[in-house]
Protein backbone atom coordinates (compact mmCIF):
# COMPACT_ATOMS: atom_id res chain seq x y z
CA UNK A 1 -17.70 -27.29 -6.35
CA UNK A 2 -15.42 -24.23 -6.32
CA UNK A 3 -15.96 -21.19 -4.10
CA UNK A 4 -17.10 -19.14 -7.06
CA UNK A 5 -19.52 -21.84 -8.27
CA UNK A 6 -20.96 -22.17 -4.76
CA UNK A 7 -21.52 -18.44 -4.53
CA UNK A 8 -23.16 -18.33 -7.94
CA UNK A 9 -25.74 -20.83 -6.72
CA UNK A 10 -26.90 -18.72 -3.78
CA UNK A 11 -30.67 -18.10 -3.66
CA UNK A 12 -31.73 -15.06 -5.64
CA UNK A 13 -33.61 -13.56 -2.70
CA UNK A 14 -30.35 -13.09 -0.80
CA UNK A 15 -28.59 -11.52 -3.75
CA UNK A 16 -31.26 -8.83 -4.23
CA UNK A 17 -30.94 -7.38 -0.73
CA UNK A 18 -28.50 -4.63 -1.67
CA UNK A 19 -29.53 -4.14 -5.31
CA UNK A 20 -30.83 -0.63 -4.61
CA UNK A 21 -27.47 0.57 -3.32
CA UNK A 22 -25.89 1.08 -6.74
CA UNK A 23 -26.55 1.44 -10.46
CA UNK A 24 -24.86 -1.48 -12.16
CA UNK A 25 -24.87 0.21 -15.56
CA UNK A 26 -22.35 2.78 -14.34
CA UNK A 27 -19.66 0.24 -13.49
CA UNK A 28 -16.44 0.33 -15.49
CA UNK A 29 -13.74 -2.23 -14.89
CA UNK A 30 -10.18 -2.00 -16.15
CA UNK A 31 -7.15 -4.20 -15.78
CA UNK A 32 -3.84 -3.14 -14.25
CA UNK A 33 -2.76 -1.32 -17.43
CA UNK A 34 -6.06 0.50 -17.79
CA UNK A 35 -7.21 -1.64 -20.72
CA UNK A 36 -10.70 -3.09 -20.62
CA UNK A 37 -10.54 -6.91 -20.48
CA UNK A 38 -13.04 -9.67 -19.86
CA UNK A 39 -12.44 -12.97 -18.15
CA UNK A 40 -13.41 -16.16 -19.93
CA UNK A 41 -16.16 -18.12 -18.19
CA UNK A 42 -13.90 -21.17 -18.44
CA UNK A 43 -11.72 -19.62 -15.71
CA UNK A 44 -14.40 -20.34 -13.14
CA UNK A 45 -14.15 -24.05 -13.82
CA UNK A 46 -10.54 -24.39 -12.74
CA UNK A 47 -9.39 -24.96 -9.20
CA UNK A 48 -7.91 -22.25 -6.99
CA UNK A 49 -4.24 -22.84 -7.81
CA UNK A 50 -4.87 -23.11 -11.55
CA UNK A 51 -6.90 -19.90 -11.57
CA UNK A 52 -4.10 -18.13 -9.75
CA UNK A 53 -1.54 -19.29 -12.32
CA UNK A 54 -3.64 -18.47 -15.37
CA UNK A 55 -5.18 -15.16 -14.25
CA UNK A 56 -2.45 -13.66 -12.11
CA UNK A 57 -4.81 -13.31 -9.14
CA UNK A 58 -3.05 -14.32 -5.93
CA UNK A 59 -4.75 -17.12 -4.04
CA UNK A 60 -5.03 -17.17 -0.26
CA UNK A 61 -6.57 -19.20 2.54
CA UNK A 62 -8.12 -18.26 5.86
CA UNK A 63 -8.87 -20.63 8.74
CA UNK A 64 -11.67 -19.52 11.06
CA UNK A 65 -11.98 -21.27 14.41
CA UNK A 66 -15.04 -20.14 16.31
CA UNK A 67 -18.69 -20.33 17.14
CA UNK A 68 -21.72 -21.28 15.09
CA UNK A 69 -25.11 -20.23 16.42
CA UNK A 70 -28.73 -19.92 15.48
CA UNK A 71 -29.81 -16.33 16.07
CA UNK A 72 -33.32 -15.56 17.30
CA UNK A 73 -33.89 -11.88 16.60
CA UNK A 74 -36.85 -10.13 18.22
CA UNK A 75 -37.82 -6.72 16.87
CA UNK A 76 -39.20 -4.71 19.78
CA UNK A 77 -40.56 -1.18 20.22
CA UNK A 78 -38.38 -0.78 23.31
CA UNK A 79 -36.17 -3.02 25.39
CA UNK A 80 -37.68 -4.56 28.50
CA UNK A 81 -36.66 -2.99 31.78
CA UNK A 82 -35.87 -5.14 34.80
CA UNK A 83 -38.84 -7.35 35.75
CA UNK A 84 -40.87 -6.07 32.78
CA UNK A 85 -42.34 -7.95 29.81
CA UNK A 86 -42.54 -6.61 26.25
CA UNK A 87 -44.09 -8.12 23.12
CA UNK A 88 -41.96 -8.40 19.99
CA UNK A 89 -43.29 -7.15 16.66
CA UNK A 90 -41.64 -10.02 14.81
CA UNK A 91 -39.18 -12.88 15.22
CA UNK A 92 -36.43 -13.70 12.72
CA UNK A 93 -34.31 -16.88 12.79
CA UNK A 94 -31.02 -17.19 10.93
CA UNK A 95 -27.52 -18.67 11.36
CA UNK A 96 -24.99 -16.54 13.24
CA UNK A 97 -22.18 -16.62 15.77
CA UNK A 98 -18.84 -14.84 15.55
CA UNK A 99 -17.13 -17.75 13.79
CA UNK A 100 -19.78 -18.24 11.12
CA UNK A 101 -20.26 -14.51 10.56
CA UNK A 102 -16.55 -13.84 10.16
CA UNK A 103 -16.14 -16.78 7.76
CA UNK A 104 -18.97 -15.49 5.59
CA UNK A 105 -17.61 -11.94 5.82
CA UNK A 106 -14.24 -13.16 4.51
CA UNK A 107 -15.92 -14.84 1.53
CA UNK A 108 -18.17 -11.90 0.70
CA UNK A 109 -15.36 -9.37 1.07
CA UNK A 110 -13.18 -11.28 -1.40
CA UNK A 111 -15.85 -12.05 -4.02
CA UNK A 112 -18.37 -10.18 -6.08
CA UNK A 113 -22.08 -10.72 -5.67
CA UNK A 114 -23.26 -13.54 -7.97
CA UNK A 115 -25.88 -11.34 -9.64
CA UNK A 116 -23.43 -8.58 -10.63
CA UNK A 117 -23.83 -7.88 -14.38
CA UNK A 118 -20.23 -8.91 -15.10
CA UNK A 119 -19.71 -11.50 -12.37
CA UNK A 120 -17.98 -13.91 -12.57
CA UNK A 121 -16.87 -12.84 -16.08
CA UNK A 122 -15.89 -9.33 -15.03
CA UNK A 123 -12.34 -8.19 -15.87
CA UNK A 124 -9.49 -8.52 -13.41
CA UNK A 125 -8.37 -5.69 -11.15
CA UNK A 126 -5.20 -5.33 -9.07
CA UNK A 127 -7.31 -5.56 -5.93
CA UNK A 128 -8.55 -9.12 -6.51
CA UNK A 129 -7.67 -12.13 -4.38
CA UNK A 130 -8.94 -15.67 -4.90
CA UNK A 131 -9.71 -16.59 -1.31
CA UNK A 132 -10.75 -19.91 0.22
CA UNK A 133 -12.11 -20.19 3.76
CA UNK A 134 -12.24 -23.17 6.10
CA UNK A 135 -14.19 -23.18 9.36
CA UNK A 136 -13.58 -25.33 12.43
CA UNK A 137 -16.66 -25.37 14.64
CA UNK A 138 -19.35 -27.51 16.28
CA UNK A 139 -23.08 -27.82 15.65
CA UNK A 140 -25.66 -29.78 17.61
CA UNK A 141 -27.74 -32.69 16.38
CA UNK A 142 -30.75 -31.57 18.44
CA UNK A 143 -33.17 -28.86 17.41
CA UNK A 144 -33.02 -29.28 13.63
CA UNK A 145 -30.67 -26.36 12.90
CA UNK A 146 -27.66 -28.38 11.74
CA UNK A 147 -28.66 -28.70 8.09
CA UNK A 148 -29.63 -25.03 7.83
CA UNK A 149 -26.18 -24.02 9.04
CA UNK A 150 -24.36 -26.50 6.81
CA UNK A 151 -26.32 -25.34 3.78
CA UNK A 152 -25.56 -21.68 4.50
CA UNK A 153 -21.82 -22.28 4.82
CA UNK A 154 -21.71 -24.63 1.84
CA UNK A 155 -23.59 -22.17 -0.37
CA UNK A 156 -20.79 -19.66 0.21
CA UNK A 157 -18.12 -22.18 -0.74
CA UNK A 158 -16.76 -22.46 2.80
CA UNK A 159 -14.93 -25.70 3.61
CA UNK A 160 -16.97 -27.47 6.32
CA UNK A 161 -14.86 -30.62 6.52
CA UNK A 162 -14.17 -29.84 10.18
CA UNK A 163 -17.67 -28.73 11.15
CA UNK A 164 -18.28 -31.33 13.84
CA UNK A 165 -21.55 -32.42 15.43
CA UNK A 166 -22.45 -33.34 19.00
CA UNK A 167 -25.49 -34.68 20.79
CA UNK A 168 -26.65 -31.32 22.12
CA UNK A 169 -28.29 -28.14 20.91
CA UNK A 170 -26.54 -25.85 18.47
CA UNK A 171 -25.36 -22.66 20.14
CA UNK A 172 -27.96 -19.92 20.18
CA UNK A 173 -28.18 -16.17 20.59
CA UNK A 174 -31.32 -14.33 21.64
CA UNK A 175 -31.18 -10.80 20.32
CA UNK A 176 -33.66 -7.98 20.78
CA UNK A 177 -33.40 -4.95 18.50
CA UNK A 178 -35.26 -1.66 18.99
CA UNK A 179 -36.23 0.84 16.25
CA UNK A 180 -32.93 2.70 16.71
CA UNK A 181 -30.85 -0.42 16.04
CA UNK A 182 -29.78 -0.78 19.66
CA UNK A 183 -29.54 -4.41 20.64
CA UNK A 184 -29.37 -6.66 23.66
CA UNK A 185 -27.78 -10.08 23.26
CA UNK A 186 -27.79 -13.21 25.39
CA UNK A 187 -26.14 -16.34 24.07
CA UNK A 188 -26.07 -19.99 25.07
CA UNK A 189 -22.90 -21.85 23.97
CA UNK A 190 -24.51 -25.24 23.36
CA UNK A 191 -22.40 -27.24 20.90
CA UNK A 192 -19.73 -24.50 20.84
CA UNK A 193 -18.57 -25.61 24.28
CA UNK A 194 -17.65 -29.04 22.83
CA UNK A 195 -15.00 -27.64 20.50
CA UNK A 196 -11.90 -28.89 22.30
CA UNK A 197 -8.17 -28.44 21.55
CA UNK A 198 -7.98 -31.98 20.17
CA UNK A 199 -10.61 -31.06 17.55
CA UNK A 200 -8.29 -28.57 15.87
CA UNK A 201 -6.83 -30.17 12.72
CA UNK A 202 -3.14 -30.06 11.87
CA UNK A 203 -2.05 -27.19 9.68
CA UNK A 204 -1.22 -29.27 6.59
CA UNK A 205 -0.89 -27.17 4.55
CA UNK A 206 -0.89 -24.16 6.85
CA UNK A 207 -3.40 -21.39 6.11
CA UNK A 208 -2.23 -17.89 5.26
CA UNK A 209 -4.22 -16.31 8.09
CA UNK A 210 -6.12 -17.52 11.18
CA UNK A 211 -9.15 -15.92 12.84
CA UNK A 212 -10.22 -16.92 16.34
CA UNK A 213 -12.71 -15.61 18.91
CA UNK A 214 -13.89 -16.52 22.42
CA UNK A 215 -17.38 -17.98 21.97
CA UNK A 216 -15.51 -21.29 22.16
CA UNK A 217 -13.53 -22.68 25.15
CA UNK A 218 -10.54 -20.51 26.01
CA UNK A 219 -8.09 -23.43 25.98
CA UNK A 220 -9.17 -24.21 22.41
CA UNK A 221 -8.40 -20.66 21.35
CA UNK A 222 -5.03 -20.97 23.08
CA UNK A 223 -4.31 -24.15 21.14
CA UNK A 224 -5.11 -22.44 17.84
CA UNK A 225 -2.73 -19.57 18.60
CA UNK A 226 -0.05 -22.02 19.72
CA UNK A 227 -0.34 -24.04 16.49
CA UNK A 228 -0.20 -20.92 14.33
CA UNK A 229 2.87 -19.69 16.17
CA UNK A 230 4.61 -23.08 15.72
CA UNK A 231 4.52 -22.97 11.91
CA UNK A 232 7.60 -22.04 9.90
CA UNK A 233 7.09 -19.23 9.18
CA UNK A 234 4.46 -18.48 11.86
CA UNK A 235 0.92 -17.98 10.59
CA UNK A 236 -0.49 -14.53 11.42
CA UNK A 237 -3.46 -14.57 13.80
CA UNK A 238 -6.34 -12.11 14.14
CA UNK A 239 -7.76 -12.46 17.64
CA UNK A 240 -11.20 -11.07 18.51
CA UNK A 241 -11.67 -11.21 22.32
CA UNK A 242 -15.48 -11.36 22.19
CA UNK A 243 -17.73 -11.69 24.11
CA UNK A 244 -16.81 -9.16 26.79
CA UNK A 245 -17.69 -11.49 29.66
CA UNK A 246 -14.84 -13.95 28.99
CA UNK A 247 -11.58 -13.41 30.85
CA UNK A 248 -8.61 -13.46 28.48
CA UNK A 249 -5.39 -15.24 29.53
CA UNK A 250 -2.27 -13.23 28.82
CA UNK A 251 -0.84 -15.58 26.19
CA UNK A 252 -3.79 -14.93 23.89
CA UNK A 253 -2.72 -11.31 23.51
CA UNK A 254 0.59 -12.42 21.95
CA UNK A 255 -0.69 -12.33 18.36
CA UNK A 256 -0.24 -10.22 15.24
CA UNK A 257 -3.62 -8.49 15.29
CA UNK A 258 -6.09 -7.90 18.13
CA UNK A 259 -9.43 -6.39 17.10
CA UNK A 260 -11.98 -5.44 19.75
CA UNK A 261 -14.74 -2.92 20.29
CA UNK A 262 -14.57 -0.09 22.80
CA UNK A 263 -16.71 -2.01 25.27
CA UNK A 264 -14.22 -4.89 25.44
CA UNK A 265 -11.32 -2.45 25.87
CA UNK A 266 -13.23 -0.76 28.69
CA UNK A 267 -13.95 -4.04 30.46
CA UNK A 268 -10.37 -5.26 30.26
CA UNK A 269 -8.81 -1.97 31.31
CA UNK A 270 -11.37 -0.99 33.98
CA UNK A 271 -9.28 -2.22 36.91
CA UNK A 272 -6.22 -0.36 35.70
CA UNK A 273 -8.20 2.83 35.17
CA UNK A 274 -9.83 2.59 38.59
CA UNK A 275 -6.40 2.54 40.16
CA UNK A 276 -5.59 5.69 38.21
CA UNK A 277 -8.90 7.58 38.57
CA UNK A 278 -10.09 6.27 41.90
CA UNK A 279 -12.79 3.75 42.96
CA UNK A 280 -16.07 4.09 41.10
CA UNK A 281 -14.76 6.67 38.63
CA UNK A 282 -13.59 4.36 35.86
CA UNK A 283 -17.04 3.28 34.66
CA UNK A 284 -18.32 6.83 34.23
CA UNK A 285 -15.30 7.71 32.11
CA UNK A 286 -15.65 4.73 29.78
CA UNK A 287 -17.67 3.84 26.71
CA UNK A 288 -17.40 4.53 23.00
CA UNK A 289 -19.67 7.54 23.34
CA UNK A 290 -17.95 9.13 26.33
CA UNK A 291 -14.25 8.79 25.52
CA UNK A 292 -12.32 10.33 22.67
CA UNK A 293 -10.43 8.13 20.20
CA UNK A 294 -7.16 9.45 21.60
CA UNK A 295 -8.01 8.08 25.05
CA UNK A 296 -8.04 4.54 23.67
CA UNK A 297 -4.42 4.80 22.55
CA UNK A 298 -3.40 4.36 26.16
CA UNK A 299 -5.32 1.08 26.12
CA UNK A 300 -3.45 0.06 22.96
CA UNK A 301 -0.14 0.55 24.73
CA UNK A 302 -1.36 -1.74 27.50
CA UNK A 303 -2.17 -4.49 24.96
CA UNK A 304 1.22 -3.98 23.31
CA UNK A 305 2.82 -4.67 26.68
CA UNK A 306 0.87 -7.94 26.80
CA UNK A 307 2.34 -8.97 23.45
CA UNK A 308 0.01 -7.73 20.69
CA UNK A 309 1.80 -6.33 17.62
CA UNK A 310 -1.20 -4.49 16.16
CA UNK A 311 -4.18 -3.36 18.24
CA UNK A 312 -7.39 -2.13 16.60
CA UNK A 313 -10.26 -0.74 18.69
CA UNK A 314 -13.53 -0.05 16.89
CA UNK A 315 -15.47 2.98 18.11
CA UNK A 316 -18.87 2.61 16.47
CA UNK A 317 -19.91 5.74 14.59
CA UNK A 318 -16.53 7.33 15.45
CA UNK A 319 -14.62 4.84 13.29
CA UNK A 320 -11.62 2.99 14.69
CA UNK A 321 -8.13 3.54 16.05
CA UNK A 322 -5.06 1.37 15.69
CA UNK A 323 -1.59 1.18 17.14
CA UNK A 324 1.13 -0.90 15.47
CA UNK A 325 4.58 -1.75 16.74
CA UNK A 326 6.91 -1.43 13.76
CA UNK A 327 10.34 -3.02 13.50
CA UNK A 328 11.61 -0.10 11.44
CA UNK A 329 10.80 2.14 14.38
CA UNK A 330 12.54 -0.15 16.89
CA UNK A 331 9.12 -1.46 18.02
CA UNK A 332 7.84 2.01 18.79
CA UNK A 333 4.08 2.14 18.12
CA UNK A 334 2.68 4.03 15.17
CA UNK A 335 -0.80 5.29 15.96
CA UNK A 336 -3.56 5.74 13.41
CA UNK A 337 -7.13 6.97 13.48
CA UNK A 338 -9.73 6.18 10.84
CA UNK A 339 -12.80 8.32 11.33
CA UNK A 340 -16.12 7.31 9.80
CA UNK A 341 -16.91 10.84 8.62
CA UNK A 342 -19.42 9.63 6.04
CA UNK A 343 -21.37 7.28 8.25
CA UNK A 344 -24.96 6.05 7.99
CA UNK A 345 -27.37 8.47 9.67
CA UNK A 346 -29.10 7.24 12.84
CA UNK A 347 -32.35 6.82 10.89
CA UNK A 348 -30.65 4.16 8.74
CA UNK A 349 -29.26 2.17 11.65
CA UNK A 350 -31.43 -0.94 11.94
CA UNK A 351 -29.23 -3.49 13.75
CA UNK A 352 -25.66 -3.13 15.04
CA UNK A 353 -25.03 -6.76 16.06
CA UNK A 354 -23.06 -7.86 12.98
CA UNK A 355 -20.90 -4.77 12.47
CA UNK A 356 -17.85 -6.10 14.31
CA UNK A 357 -17.79 -9.37 12.36
CA UNK A 358 -18.12 -7.52 9.04
CA UNK A 359 -15.28 -5.21 10.10
CA UNK A 360 -13.03 -8.15 10.97
CA UNK A 361 -13.77 -10.02 7.74
CA UNK A 362 -13.06 -6.97 5.60
CA UNK A 363 -9.91 -6.15 7.58
CA UNK A 364 -8.66 -9.74 7.30
CA UNK A 365 -9.18 -9.92 3.55
CA UNK A 366 -7.35 -6.64 2.96
CA UNK A 367 -4.42 -7.65 5.19
CA UNK A 368 -4.16 -10.98 3.35
CA UNK A 369 -4.40 -9.28 -0.04
CA UNK A 370 -1.48 -7.03 0.90
CA UNK A 371 0.53 -10.06 2.04
CA UNK A 372 -0.11 -12.06 -1.13
CA UNK A 373 0.58 -9.09 -3.40
CA UNK A 374 3.83 -8.40 -1.53
CA UNK A 375 2.71 -4.90 -0.61
CA UNK A 376 3.81 -2.97 2.43
CA UNK A 377 1.36 -3.52 5.30
CA UNK A 378 -1.24 -0.75 5.35
CA UNK A 379 -3.36 -0.97 8.50
CA UNK A 380 -5.19 2.26 7.64
CA UNK A 381 -6.44 0.74 4.39
CA UNK A 382 -7.59 -2.40 6.21
CA UNK A 383 -9.43 -0.26 8.79
CA UNK A 384 -11.05 1.77 6.03
CA UNK A 385 -12.40 -1.41 4.42
CA UNK A 386 -13.60 -2.62 7.82
CA UNK A 387 -15.41 0.62 8.62
CA UNK A 388 -17.14 0.58 5.25
CA UNK A 389 -18.27 -3.02 5.74
CA UNK A 390 -19.48 -2.38 9.28
CA UNK A 391 -21.34 0.75 8.20
CA UNK A 392 -23.26 -1.17 5.54
CA UNK A 393 -24.01 -4.05 7.89
CA UNK A 394 -25.93 -1.93 10.41
CA UNK A 395 -28.38 -0.82 7.72
CA UNK A 396 -30.18 -4.19 7.72
CA UNK A 397 -31.50 -6.72 10.23
CA UNK A 398 -29.46 -9.79 11.17
CA UNK A 399 -25.78 -10.18 11.92
CA UNK A 400 -25.12 -12.58 9.02
CA UNK A 401 -27.57 -11.72 6.24
CA UNK A 402 -26.63 -8.03 6.41
CA UNK A 403 -22.91 -8.58 5.70
CA UNK A 404 -22.13 -6.82 2.39
CA UNK A 405 -20.29 -8.12 -0.65
CA UNK A 406 -17.03 -6.70 -1.99
CA UNK A 407 -18.51 -4.33 -4.57
CA UNK A 408 -20.97 -2.91 -2.03
CA UNK A 409 -17.98 -1.87 0.07
CA UNK A 410 -15.81 -0.61 -2.80
CA UNK A 411 -18.63 1.68 -3.97
CA UNK A 412 -19.48 3.09 -0.55
CA UNK A 413 -18.68 6.78 -0.02
CA UNK A 414 -15.96 7.19 2.56
CA UNK A 415 -13.76 10.03 3.72
CA UNK A 416 -11.61 10.80 6.70
CA UNK A 417 -8.66 8.42 7.08
CA UNK A 418 -6.05 10.13 9.21
CA UNK A 419 -2.73 8.40 8.63
CA UNK A 420 -0.83 10.60 11.03
CA UNK A 421 1.35 8.71 13.48
CA UNK A 422 3.66 9.29 16.38
């Protein structure tokens, strides 16, 4: 079954979640020359390469190596203080984990929702890419969650050939969310800790882009980066150093794209800032709400020195900043700021846990689209797509179910991309 056919078979209840966000009757699609055109339904029956040849849509592939969890989400009136007990209003269970979420985000950000009036027969646009996603991960045989996870990935058309299983529990995350969307997260690695370097398949054929995080063993992530670097030409890697508690070896920073939130940047750079500001003063000067976007550019330079070509730091409601070393500028960094000036109001923020994964998926798809269409790399555009996706994600409960589809993001109001650089 093709990716598109898998997506078309998703349960209707999932596809109605965002139906109120737009009026489908107002949609107008045009091809590259501005002429209305409709795709034949027979196109959906061909494989990826054939579709690319017959429709002109570039095909691409993303390999995601990361965690797969079951999320247990408790909705609480307020978070428990130390040594206190609170009752949850409700409990929601759904698949999650950085690896699974980012894989699903890549699929949704490169495809239109199955219940769109013209999908999959809508006309082509110059912004299309026919994307396939493969995940390498581990699930546990115990606890009964394995089939739920497999079904969720399979329904999105994600290749689960290398979704292994071990005699242990599937990884889990226990998340509490208050009425303001603020969350507390504790995770147990479970089966994720069994994903070893020898479980990573050979790159035959190599993917176009690799995503990796740190909810799996660090040496496994190192192996993935090493394999990507060894290809000819090297495969670009997007590295997400989450969670914050994991220490990152220096060789993992030597990748094309590093994407992290402000909290991770604060944790990694705290020692360096304490030496500059004095003992005990670094913590009070850190945090996405207490530091200006410009202050994080100094952190970007630090990560450049460790080997990262492009560093993106997400700043929550303040948007994101990026710094890119460009060959044309003799490896001098070009700094960019994308401000989320049209952001969801606090009253619409229901759960922030999946925003980073949605950002990364949207960013990855846009970077790959630019590569396959032979366009000049535009990090600002990729950040804009990421901010839109993250902003929509926080308006619903659950890190995975709340990830938007491509049209949701394309139709979201957005303003305030500052492309100024140094």
